[in-house]
Amino acid sequence: MECVIYQERTGECERIDCRQADAGYQVTLDRLAGLKPDEFAWIRMDEPGQEELQRLGEHLGLHPLAVEDAVQAHQRPKQEHYGDVLAVAVKTLWFVEETADVETGEVMIFLGPSFALTVRHGANDPTEEAARRLAEQPDMAQFGPVAVLHAVTDTIVDAYAEAAAQVRRDLTELERCVFSSARDDLTERIYSLKREVVEFRDAVGPLVPVMQPFTSARNDWPRQVLPYFRDVTDHLTRTDTEVRALDDLLASALDAHLAKVGTWQNDDMRRISAWAAIFAIPTMVAGIYGMNFSHMPELDWRYGYPCALAVMALGAGLLYRAFRRKGWL
């Protein structure tokens, strides 16, 4: 657990030492109880246990259902109000270049009158980058705990855009392979990337309606903060459109690849049929003379054998030439 106290007027921050398991925790609770009117706290927790978060939740006045959601995670992007506390669930997302996988996590953000609590699940921690951005823009502290919500969501949405760009590069490479002359089976690769894009879409799409209410003046937030949330929502909407386009392109690439595989199979069948027809003439002639009837004039003819070979070669050559002209061979 980490705790930082921000001064709204100056943007200065004070870090609370939470390194000691019990003493540090109690120091944090005591400092939270003594917050001044122009101060707010940002508490950051990484995959906390039920007891730890419940204890802090009782101090901050969190609803038991909100604590349960934060501990269990696996929530769909959403926002809920529990009295004067706003709870926002956001999916974190990053792209693993080595495996071309889209990995997801979750951050629960709780905003109270004088505190912001973030609970992270997953390997990626966007709160570190959000804290750095908030430190670089001390004037944002004047908006109170809302500044934490903006910093965290802005960082997560920027990560969405970066992951979408990486998926786009992988898709472009797949498209080149699909329409190349190589006869490689890319079905599994395309389907695997499409599955990752679906996971991407499930994280980004539901967040759009969650963020849109933050851009209007219907809430009691300072009007000066609304343009910042409009900027985040605009980036999120563009990324959502990009992800949907990637999903459609992957579906088209899969259809094109399957059509190409069908064309390969047709080409193979034409070649097989052409060679079968070519070998049918020698087989037919050999079959006739293999019957060994007594009254076959060609059996006693001096030039019967070379003539039969010539007929086989001529028939096969004519068929080969015809199939070659049609592009079957």
Protein backbone atom coordinates (compact mmCIF):
# COMPACT_ATOMS: atom_id res chain seq x y z
CA MET A 1 0.00 0.00 0.00
CA GLU A 2 1.13 3.54 -0.79
CA CYS A 3 -0.40 6.79 0.39
CA VAL A 4 0.29 10.33 -0.82
CA ILE A 5 -1.29 13.49 0.59
CA TYR A 6 -1.76 16.34 -1.91
CA GLN A 7 -2.19 20.05 -1.22
CA GLU A 8 -4.93 21.32 -3.55
CA ARG A 9 -3.66 24.91 -3.68
CA THR A 10 0.03 24.24 -4.26
CA GLY A 11 0.10 20.69 -5.62
CA GLU A 12 2.71 19.70 -3.07
CA CYS A 13 2.61 16.09 -1.95
CA GLU A 14 3.52 14.26 1.23
CA ARG A 15 4.30 10.55 1.17
CA ILE A 16 3.24 8.41 4.10
CA ASP A 17 5.62 5.64 5.14
CA CYS A 18 3.56 2.45 4.75
CA ARG A 19 6.45 0.02 4.62
CA GLN A 20 5.88 -1.41 8.08
CA ALA A 21 2.97 -3.81 8.00
CA ASP A 22 1.11 -2.71 11.15
CA ALA A 23 2.71 0.55 12.26
CA GLY A 24 2.72 1.97 8.74
CA TYR A 25 -0.91 1.04 8.25
CA GLN A 26 -1.95 2.72 11.48
CA VAL A 27 0.07 5.82 10.63
CA THR A 28 -1.78 6.01 7.34
CA LEU A 29 -5.18 5.75 9.02
CA ASP A 30 -4.23 8.42 11.55
CA ARG A 31 -3.04 10.76 8.79
CA LEU A 32 -6.24 10.19 6.80
CA ALA A 33 -8.28 11.04 9.87
CA GLY A 34 -6.39 14.34 10.21
CA LEU A 35 -6.74 15.61 6.65
CA LYS A 36 -7.21 19.37 6.33
CA PRO A 37 -9.99 20.88 4.19
CA ASP A 38 -7.53 21.73 1.38
CA GLU A 39 -5.91 18.27 1.35
CA PHE A 40 -6.81 14.97 -0.24
CA ALA A 41 -5.20 11.53 -0.11
CA TRP A 42 -4.41 9.04 -2.84
CA ILE A 43 -4.12 5.48 -1.53
CA ARG A 44 -2.71 2.91 -3.95
CA MET A 45 -3.15 -0.81 -3.28
CA ASP A 46 -1.94 -3.77 -5.34
CA GLU A 47 -4.10 -6.91 -5.19
CA PRO A 48 -5.07 -6.47 -1.52
CA GLY A 49 -6.67 -9.16 0.59
CA GLN A 50 -10.24 -9.08 1.82
CA GLU A 51 -9.33 -8.23 5.41
CA GLU A 52 -6.87 -5.48 4.50
CA LEU A 53 -9.22 -3.70 2.11
CA GLN A 54 -12.23 -4.18 4.38
CA ARG A 55 -10.38 -2.52 7.24
CA LEU A 56 -9.47 0.46 5.06
CA GLY A 57 -12.96 0.51 3.57
CA GLU A 58 -14.55 0.83 6.99
CA HIS A 59 -12.32 3.83 7.70
CA LEU A 60 -13.17 5.48 4.34
CA GLY A 61 -16.85 4.57 4.45
CA LEU A 62 -16.83 2.26 1.43
CA HIS A 63 -19.87 0.12 0.73
CA PRO A 64 -19.32 -3.62 1.37
CA LEU A 65 -20.31 -4.43 -2.22
CA ALA A 66 -17.69 -2.00 -3.50
CA VAL A 67 -15.06 -3.69 -1.32
CA GLU A 68 -16.14 -7.09 -2.63
CA ASP A 69 -15.85 -5.94 -6.26
CA ALA A 70 -12.41 -4.49 -5.62
CA VAL A 71 -11.11 -7.69 -4.04
CA GLN A 72 -12.55 -10.16 -6.54
CA ALA A 73 -11.84 -8.02 -9.64
CA HIS A 74 -12.96 -9.37 -13.05
CA GLN A 75 -15.47 -6.53 -13.28
CA ARG A 76 -16.88 -5.11 -16.48
CA PRO A 77 -15.96 -1.41 -16.96
CA LYS A 78 -18.56 0.51 -14.98
CA GLN A 79 -19.26 3.38 -12.61
CA GLU A 80 -21.46 3.25 -9.53
CA HIS A 81 -22.31 5.67 -6.77
CA TYR A 82 -22.32 4.50 -3.16
CA GLY A 83 -23.53 7.58 -1.30
CA ASP A 84 -20.87 10.24 -1.76
CA VAL A 85 -18.31 7.72 -3.06
CA LEU A 86 -17.90 7.12 -6.80
CA ALA A 87 -16.57 3.71 -7.83
CA VAL A 88 -15.15 3.28 -11.34
CA ALA A 89 -13.89 -0.05 -12.73
CA VAL A 90 -11.46 0.17 -15.66
CA LYS A 91 -9.71 -2.60 -17.56
CA THR A 92 -5.95 -2.24 -18.01
CA LEU A 93 -4.48 -3.61 -21.19
CA TRP A 94 -1.05 -4.13 -22.74
CA PHE A 95 0.37 -5.96 -25.75
CA VAL A 96 3.04 -8.67 -25.35
CA GLU A 97 5.19 -8.46 -28.48
CA GLU A 98 6.90 -11.85 -28.03
CA THR A 99 3.66 -13.84 -28.02
CA ALA A 100 1.38 -11.33 -29.82
CA ASP A 101 -1.03 -11.58 -26.86
CA VAL A 102 -3.21 -8.88 -25.39
CA GLU A 103 -3.04 -9.12 -21.59
CA THR A 104 -5.59 -7.47 -19.35
CA GLY A 105 -5.85 -6.40 -15.74
CA GLU A 106 -8.14 -4.16 -13.74
CA VAL A 107 -8.09 -0.99 -11.67
CA MET A 108 -10.89 0.00 -9.31
CA ILE A 109 -10.95 3.73 -8.53
CA PHE A 110 -12.88 5.06 -5.54
CA LEU A 111 -13.42 8.82 -5.22
CA GLY A 112 -14.59 10.32 -1.97
CA PRO A 113 -14.81 13.91 -0.76
CA SER A 114 -11.19 13.90 0.39
CA PHE A 115 -9.63 10.71 -0.91
CA ALA A 116 -8.95 8.62 -3.99
CA LEU A 117 -8.35 4.90 -3.62
CA THR A 118 -7.02 2.77 -6.48
CA VAL A 119 -6.96 -1.02 -6.28
CA ARG A 120 -4.92 -2.73 -9.00
CA HIS A 121 -5.05 -6.29 -10.29
CA GLY A 122 -2.74 -7.62 -13.00
CA ALA A 123 0.92 -7.38 -13.95
CA ASN A 124 0.73 -3.89 -15.43
CA ASP A 125 0.50 -0.96 -13.00
CA PRO A 126 -0.79 2.25 -14.63
CA THR A 127 -0.93 4.08 -11.29
CA GLU A 128 2.84 4.58 -11.28
CA GLU A 129 2.72 6.48 -14.56
CA ALA A 130 -0.40 8.33 -13.41
CA ALA A 131 1.38 9.44 -10.23
CA ARG A 132 4.32 10.69 -12.30
CA ARG A 133 2.01 12.69 -14.56
CA LEU A 134 0.20 14.16 -11.58
CA ALA A 135 3.55 15.17 -10.06
CA GLU A 136 4.53 16.90 -13.32
CA GLN A 137 1.25 18.87 -13.35
CA PRO A 138 0.84 20.16 -9.77
CA ASP A 139 -1.92 22.55 -10.88
CA MET A 140 -4.17 19.52 -11.45
CA ALA A 141 -4.29 18.99 -7.68
CA GLN A 142 -6.69 21.93 -7.41
CA PHE A 143 -9.44 19.65 -8.71
CA GLY A 144 -9.09 17.34 -5.72
CA PRO A 145 -9.53 13.55 -5.98
CA VAL A 146 -10.98 13.99 -9.47
CA ALA A 147 -7.42 14.70 -10.64
CA VAL A 148 -6.49 11.13 -9.70
CA LEU A 149 -9.36 9.73 -11.76
CA HIS A 150 -8.22 11.78 -14.75
CA ALA A 151 -4.56 10.78 -14.39
CA VAL A 152 -5.33 7.07 -14.10
CA THR A 153 -7.88 6.94 -16.93
CA ASP A 154 -5.67 9.07 -19.18
CA THR A 155 -2.75 6.70 -18.62
CA ILE A 156 -4.88 3.62 -19.29
CA VAL A 157 -6.42 5.08 -22.45
CA ASP A 158 -2.96 6.03 -23.76
CA ALA A 159 -1.92 2.41 -23.19
CA TYR A 160 -4.97 1.34 -25.22
CA ALA A 161 -3.78 3.46 -28.14
CA GLU A 162 -0.26 2.01 -27.96
CA ALA A 163 -1.60 -1.55 -27.89
CA ALA A 164 -3.91 -0.81 -30.83
CA ALA A 165 -0.93 0.46 -32.85
CA GLN A 166 1.00 -2.74 -32.10
CA VAL A 167 -1.97 -4.91 -33.08
CA ARG A 168 -2.25 -2.88 -36.30
CA ARG A 169 1.38 -3.65 -37.12
CA ASP A 170 0.80 -7.38 -36.55
CA LEU A 171 -2.31 -7.24 -38.72
CA THR A 172 -0.43 -5.48 -41.52
CA GLU A 173 2.20 -8.23 -41.43
CA LEU A 174 -0.52 -10.89 -41.53
CA GLU A 175 -2.15 -9.19 -44.52
CA ARG A 176 1.15 -9.26 -46.40
CA CYS A 177 1.45 -12.98 -45.67
CA VAL A 178 -2.15 -13.65 -46.71
CA PHE A 179 -1.71 -12.01 -50.12
CA SER A 180 1.82 -13.26 -50.74
CA SER A 181 2.65 -16.10 -53.13
CA ALA A 182 3.73 -18.38 -50.27
CA ARG A 183 1.40 -21.25 -49.49
CA ASP A 184 1.44 -21.00 -45.70
CA ASP A 185 -1.56 -21.88 -43.56
CA LEU A 186 -2.20 -18.73 -41.51
CA THR A 187 -5.62 -19.69 -40.17
CA GLU A 188 -4.42 -20.29 -36.62
CA ARG A 189 -2.42 -17.04 -36.51
CA ILE A 190 -5.33 -14.98 -37.80
CA TYR A 191 -7.81 -16.59 -35.44
CA SER A 192 -5.45 -16.15 -32.49
CA LEU A 193 -5.00 -12.43 -33.21
CA LYS A 194 -8.76 -12.03 -33.73
CA ARG A 195 -9.37 -13.59 -30.32
CA GLU A 196 -6.98 -11.06 -28.76
CA VAL A 197 -8.75 -8.22 -30.55
CA VAL A 198 -12.08 -9.44 -29.17
CA GLU A 199 -10.60 -9.28 -25.68
CA PHE A 200 -9.30 -5.80 -26.53
CA ARG A 201 -12.77 -4.74 -27.71
CA ASP A 202 -14.41 -6.05 -24.54
CA ALA A 203 -12.11 -3.82 -22.48
CA VAL A 204 -12.41 -0.64 -24.57
CA GLY A 205 -16.02 -0.69 -25.81
CA PRO A 206 -17.84 -0.75 -22.44
CA LEU A 207 -15.60 2.01 -21.09
CA VAL A 208 -16.90 4.59 -23.60
CA PRO A 209 -20.35 5.03 -21.97
CA VAL A 210 -18.65 5.00 -18.56
CA MET A 211 -16.44 7.98 -19.45
CA GLN A 212 -19.03 10.05 -21.33
CA PRO A 213 -20.90 11.31 -18.22
CA PHE A 214 -17.61 12.72 -16.91
CA THR A 215 -17.53 15.18 -19.82
CA SER A 216 -20.80 16.94 -18.97
CA ALA A 217 -21.54 19.66 -16.45
CA ARG A 218 -24.28 17.65 -14.76
CA ASN A 219 -21.98 16.48 -11.97
CA ASP A 220 -20.61 18.69 -9.20
CA TRP A 221 -17.03 18.66 -10.46
CA PRO A 222 -15.21 21.89 -11.30
CA ARG A 223 -15.98 23.02 -14.82
CA GLN A 224 -12.27 23.50 -15.51
CA VAL A 225 -11.69 19.74 -15.30
CA LEU A 226 -14.32 18.81 -17.90
CA PRO A 227 -12.11 19.55 -20.97
CA TYR A 228 -9.52 17.11 -19.62
CA PHE A 229 -12.09 14.32 -19.47
CA ARG A 230 -13.37 15.27 -22.93
CA ASP A 231 -9.84 14.79 -24.21
CA VAL A 232 -9.60 11.35 -22.57
CA THR A 233 -13.02 10.36 -23.92
CA ASP A 234 -12.06 11.54 -27.41
CA HIS A 235 -8.90 9.38 -27.36
CA LEU A 236 -10.92 6.47 -26.02
CA THR A 237 -13.56 6.81 -28.76
CA ARG A 238 -10.89 6.89 -31.45
CA THR A 239 -9.26 3.78 -30.01
CA ASP A 240 -12.64 2.05 -29.82
CA THR A 241 -13.22 2.85 -33.50
CA GLU A 242 -9.73 1.58 -34.33
CA VAL A 243 -10.30 -1.69 -32.46
CA ARG A 244 -13.62 -2.28 -34.23
CA ALA A 245 -11.92 -1.63 -37.57
CA LEU A 246 -9.16 -4.11 -36.65
CA ASP A 247 -11.78 -6.71 -35.79
CA ASP A 248 -13.50 -6.20 -39.16
CA LEU A 249 -10.18 -6.33 -41.03
CA LEU A 250 -9.22 -9.56 -39.29
CA ALA A 251 -12.54 -11.10 -40.25
CA SER A 252 -11.94 -10.02 -43.87
CA ALA A 253 -8.36 -11.34 -43.75
CA LEU A 254 -9.61 -14.68 -42.45
CA ASP A 255 -12.22 -14.88 -45.22
CA ALA A 256 -9.62 -13.94 -47.84
CA HIS A 257 -7.20 -16.55 -46.51
CA LEU A 258 -9.86 -19.27 -46.49
CA ALA A 259 -10.79 -18.30 -50.06
CA LYS A 260 -7.12 -18.51 -51.00
CA VAL A 261 -6.86 -21.95 -49.39
CA GLY A 262 -9.87 -23.00 -51.45
CA THR A 263 -8.13 -21.72 -54.57
CA TRP A 264 -5.04 -23.74 -53.67
CA GLN A 265 -7.18 -26.84 -53.31
CA ASN A 266 -8.85 -26.21 -56.67
CA ASP A 267 -5.44 -25.78 -58.31
CA ASP A 268 -4.26 -29.03 -56.77
CA MET A 269 -7.37 -30.85 -57.94
CA ARG A 270 -6.94 -29.49 -61.48
CA ARG A 271 -3.33 -30.65 -61.57
CA ILE A 272 -4.26 -34.07 -60.23
CA SER A 273 -7.11 -34.34 -62.75
CA ALA A 274 -4.85 -33.23 -65.61
CA TRP A 275 -2.15 -35.80 -64.78
CA ALA A 276 -4.81 -38.49 -64.32
CA ALA A 277 -6.16 -37.70 -67.80
CA ILE A 278 -2.65 -37.79 -69.29
CA PHE A 279 -1.92 -41.20 -67.78
CA ALA A 280 -5.35 -42.49 -68.78
CA ILE A 281 -4.31 -42.83 -72.47
CA PRO A 282 -1.28 -45.10 -71.84
CA THR A 283 -3.35 -47.04 -69.32
CA MET A 284 -6.14 -47.53 -71.84
CA VAL A 285 -3.80 -48.69 -74.65
CA ALA A 286 -1.85 -50.96 -72.28
CA GLY A 287 -5.12 -52.32 -70.95
CA ILE A 288 -6.37 -53.22 -74.41
CA TYR A 289 -3.20 -55.03 -75.41
CA GLY A 290 -2.94 -56.61 -71.98
CA MET A 291 -6.10 -58.63 -72.64
CA ASN A 292 -4.03 -61.10 -74.81
CA PHE A 293 -6.81 -62.30 -77.09
CA SER A 294 -5.71 -64.76 -79.77
CA HIS A 295 -7.23 -62.84 -82.66
CA MET A 296 -5.62 -59.39 -82.27
CA PRO A 297 -3.96 -58.45 -85.61
CA GLU A 298 -1.56 -56.00 -83.97
CA LEU A 299 0.03 -58.76 -81.89
CA ASP A 300 1.61 -60.29 -85.00
CA TRP A 301 2.41 -56.98 -86.65
CA ARG A 302 6.10 -56.15 -86.77
CA TYR A 303 5.56 -52.46 -85.92
CA GLY A 304 2.72 -52.95 -83.43
CA TYR A 305 4.78 -52.36 -80.30
CA PRO A 306 6.48 -49.11 -81.44
CA CYS A 307 3.17 -47.91 -82.88
CA ALA A 308 1.44 -48.48 -79.53
CA LEU A 309 4.17 -46.55 -77.73
CA ALA A 310 3.90 -43.74 -80.24
CA VAL A 311 0.13 -43.53 -79.77
CA MET A 312 0.61 -43.38 -75.97
CA ALA A 313 3.25 -40.67 -76.22
CA LEU A 314 1.30 -38.63 -78.78
CA GLY A 315 -1.95 -38.76 -76.82
CA ALA A 316 -0.24 -37.87 -73.55
CA GLY A 317 1.72 -35.05 -75.21
CA LEU A 318 -1.39 -33.52 -76.76
CA LEU A 319 -3.23 -33.57 -73.45
CA TYR A 320 -0.21 -32.08 -71.64
CA ARG A 321 -0.07 -29.26 -74.17
CA ALA A 322 -3.79 -28.57 -73.87
CA PHE A 323 -3.72 -28.50 -70.06
CA ARG A 324 -0.62 -26.34 -70.12
CA ARG A 325 -2.34 -23.76 -72.28
CA LYS A 326 -5.32 -23.63 -69.93
CA GLY A 327 -3.03 -23.13 -66.95
CA TRP A 328 -3.87 -26.41 -65.28
CA LEU A 329 -0.23 -27.51 -65.28
